[in-house]
Amino acid sequence: MRIEKVVLDKAAEALLEKAADCFDLAKSQQNLADEQHEVAAIQHENADQQHEIAAKTDSNADRLDASADKLDTLGRSLEADAVEITGNTQVVQRGQK
């Protein structure tokens, strides 16, 4: 009966050591997970800022497009006025040579 007790005690001790190892590994993994969550939060913040910058850039591009269209229309109108004033033979319209 005493031998069985010693064997059981050794088995229990080995199990406790393995449990301690598991707890240590779990703590290490939890620490790594926490660090990764922090990095992910920073990346999300950076991505949000990039989205804001992209939206502003897109809006600026839309305004430039609209301005270019207005300037093109104005230029064509000025060309037409010049042709009307001086006659077709004296003014080379844009795109014609």
C-alpha atoms as a PDB file:
ATOM      1  CA  MET A   1       0.000   0.000   0.000  1.00  0.00           C
ATOM      2  CA  ARG A   2       2.892   2.369   0.784  1.00  0.00           C
ATOM      3  CA  ILE A   3       4.443   1.889  -2.679  1.00  0.00           C
ATOM      4  CA  GLU A   4       1.141   2.849  -4.279  1.00  0.00           C
ATOM      5  CA  LYS A   5       1.061   6.030  -2.190  1.00  0.00           C
ATOM      6  CA  VAL A   6       4.589   6.984  -3.268  1.00  0.00           C
ATOM      7  CA  VAL A   7       3.746   6.330  -6.936  1.00  0.00           C
ATOM      8  CA  LEU A   8       0.564   8.372  -6.662  1.00  0.00           C
ATOM      9  CA  ASP A   9       2.391  11.220  -4.910  1.00  0.00           C
ATOM     10  CA  LYS A  10       5.039  11.296  -7.657  1.00  0.00           C
ATOM     11  CA  ALA A  11       2.363  11.238 -10.348  1.00  0.00           C
ATOM     12  CA  ALA A  12       0.501  14.082  -8.640  1.00  0.00           C
ATOM     13  CA  GLU A  13       3.738  16.069  -8.311  1.00  0.00           C
ATOM     14  CA  ALA A  14       4.481  15.602 -12.009  1.00  0.00           C
ATOM     15  CA  LEU A  15       0.969  16.721 -12.875  1.00  0.00           C
ATOM     16  CA  LEU A  16       1.339  19.823 -10.704  1.00  0.00           C
ATOM     17  CA  GLU A  17       4.612  20.678 -12.425  1.00  0.00           C
ATOM     18  CA  LYS A  18       2.978  20.325 -15.835  1.00  0.00           C
ATOM     19  CA  ALA A  19       0.073  22.468 -14.643  1.00  0.00           C
ATOM     20  CA  ALA A  20       2.532  25.165 -13.529  1.00  0.00           C
ATOM     21  CA  ASP A  21       4.191  25.014 -16.950  1.00  0.00           C
ATOM     22  CA  CYS A  22       0.780  25.417 -18.575  1.00  0.00           C
ATOM     23  CA  PHE A  23       0.007  28.436 -16.385  1.00  0.00           C
ATOM     24  CA  ASP A  24       3.371  30.015 -17.270  1.00  0.00           C
ATOM     25  CA  LEU A  25       2.804  29.460 -20.980  1.00  0.00           C
ATOM     26  CA  ALA A  26      -0.735  30.797 -20.732  1.00  0.00           C
ATOM     27  CA  LYS A  27       0.541  33.956 -19.024  1.00  0.00           C
ATOM     28  CA  SER A  28       3.195  34.442 -21.716  1.00  0.00           C
ATOM     29  CA  GLN A  29       0.635  34.003 -24.462  1.00  0.00           C
ATOM     30  CA  GLN A  30      -1.751  36.384 -22.729  1.00  0.00           C
ATOM     31  CA  ASN A  31       1.009  39.010 -22.557  1.00  0.00           C
ATOM     32  CA  LEU A  32       1.730  38.536 -26.272  1.00  0.00           C
ATOM     33  CA  ALA A  33      -1.975  38.792 -27.065  1.00  0.00           C
ATOM     34  CA  ASP A  34      -2.203  42.046 -25.096  1.00  0.00           C
ATOM     35  CA  GLU A  35       0.754  43.467 -27.034  1.00  0.00           C
ATOM     36  CA  GLN A  36      -0.814  42.425 -30.328  1.00  0.00           C
ATOM     37  CA  HIS A  37      -4.100  44.072 -29.341  1.00  0.00           C
ATOM     38  CA  GLU A  38      -2.202  47.298 -28.656  1.00  0.00           C
ATOM     39  CA  VAL A  39      -0.440  47.113 -32.034  1.00  0.00           C
ATOM     40  CA  ALA A  40      -3.753  46.390 -33.765  1.00  0.00           C
ATOM     41  CA  ALA A  41      -5.363  49.393 -32.066  1.00  0.00           C
ATOM     42  CA  ILE A  42      -2.541  51.632 -33.318  1.00  0.00           C
ATOM     43  CA  GLN A  43      -2.897  50.187 -36.812  1.00  0.00           C
ATOM     44  CA  HIS A  44      -6.651  50.827 -36.745  1.00  0.00           C
ATOM     45  CA  GLU A  45      -6.014  54.415 -35.689  1.00  0.00           C
ATOM     46  CA  ASN A  46      -3.473  54.861 -38.489  1.00  0.00           C
ATOM     47  CA  ALA A  47      -5.899  53.350 -40.988  1.00  0.00           C
ATOM     48  CA  ASP A  48      -8.640  55.722 -39.838  1.00  0.00           C
ATOM     49  CA  GLN A  49      -6.303  58.658 -40.357  1.00  0.00           C
ATOM     50  CA  GLN A  50      -5.355  57.366 -43.806  1.00  0.00           C
ATOM     51  CA  HIS A  51      -9.048  57.093 -44.711  1.00  0.00           C
ATOM     52  CA  GLU A  52      -9.577  60.715 -43.644  1.00  0.00           C
ATOM     53  CA  ILE A  53      -6.596  61.847 -45.703  1.00  0.00           C
ATOM     54  CA  ALA A  54      -7.812  59.854 -48.711  1.00  0.00           C
ATOM     55  CA  ALA A  55     -11.315  61.361 -48.417  1.00  0.00           C
ATOM     56  CA  LYS A  56      -9.873  64.901 -48.262  1.00  0.00           C
ATOM     57  CA  THR A  57      -7.594  64.204 -51.223  1.00  0.00           C
ATOM     58  CA  ASP A  58     -10.517  62.825 -53.221  1.00  0.00           C
ATOM     59  CA  SER A  59     -12.597  65.896 -52.346  1.00  0.00           C
ATOM     60  CA  ASN A  60      -9.757  68.197 -53.406  1.00  0.00           C
ATOM     61  CA  ALA A  61      -9.463  66.300 -56.691  1.00  0.00           C
ATOM     62  CA  ASP A  62     -13.203  66.764 -57.294  1.00  0.00           C
ATOM     63  CA  ARG A  63     -12.827  70.522 -56.732  1.00  0.00           C
ATOM     64  CA  LEU A  64      -9.864  70.646 -59.122  1.00  0.00           C
ATOM     65  CA  ASP A  65     -11.908  68.767 -61.737  1.00  0.00           C
ATOM     66  CA  ALA A  66     -14.759  71.243 -61.392  1.00  0.00           C
ATOM     67  CA  SER A  67     -12.361  74.184 -61.579  1.00  0.00           C
ATOM     68  CA  ALA A  68     -10.663  72.731 -64.658  1.00  0.00           C
ATOM     69  CA  ASP A  69     -14.048  72.314 -66.333  1.00  0.00           C
ATOM     70  CA  LYS A  70     -14.955  75.935 -65.580  1.00  0.00           C
ATOM     71  CA  LEU A  71     -11.599  77.166 -66.876  1.00  0.00           C
ATOM     72  CA  ASP A  72     -11.967  75.076 -70.035  1.00  0.00           C
ATOM     73  CA  THR A  73     -15.439  76.533 -70.625  1.00  0.00           C
ATOM     74  CA  LEU A  74     -14.130  80.046 -69.998  1.00  0.00           C
ATOM     75  CA  GLY A  75     -11.212  79.486 -72.358  1.00  0.00           C
ATOM     76  CA  ARG A  76     -13.523  78.271 -75.121  1.00  0.00           C
ATOM     77  CA  SER A  77     -15.768  81.294 -74.581  1.00  0.00           C
ATOM     78  CA  LEU A  78     -12.787  83.665 -74.755  1.00  0.00           C
ATOM     79  CA  GLU A  79     -11.596  81.954 -77.926  1.00  0.00           C
ATOM     80  CA  ALA A  80     -15.044  82.309 -79.462  1.00  0.00           C
ATOM     81  CA  ASP A  81     -15.125  85.985 -78.505  1.00  0.00           C
ATOM     82  CA  ALA A  82     -11.701  86.531 -80.052  1.00  0.00           C
ATOM     83  CA  VAL A  83     -12.762  84.795 -83.263  1.00  0.00           C
ATOM     84  CA  GLU A  84     -15.915  86.877 -83.379  1.00  0.00           C
ATOM     85  CA  ILE A  85     -13.991  90.108 -82.878  1.00  0.00           C
ATOM     86  CA  THR A  86     -11.099  89.493 -85.264  1.00  0.00           C
ATOM     87  CA  GLY A  87     -12.447  86.928 -87.687  1.00  0.00           C
ATOM     88  CA  ASN A  88     -11.584  83.276 -88.207  1.00  0.00           C
ATOM     89  CA  THR A  89      -8.457  83.929 -90.278  1.00  0.00           C
ATOM     90  CA  GLN A  90      -6.556  85.840 -87.642  1.00  0.00           C
ATOM     91  CA  VAL A  91      -7.102  83.649 -84.547  1.00  0.00           C
ATOM     92  CA  VAL A  92      -5.864  80.082 -84.294  1.00  0.00           C
ATOM     93  CA  GLN A  93      -8.258  78.298 -82.032  1.00  0.00           C
ATOM     94  CA  ARG A  94      -6.987  75.824 -79.496  1.00  0.00           C
ATOM     95  CA  GLY A  95      -6.410  72.441 -81.060  1.00  0.00           C
ATOM     96  CA  GLN A  96      -6.215  73.864 -84.586  1.00  0.00           C
ATOM     97  CA  LYS A  97      -3.028  74.735 -86.459  1.00  0.00           C
END
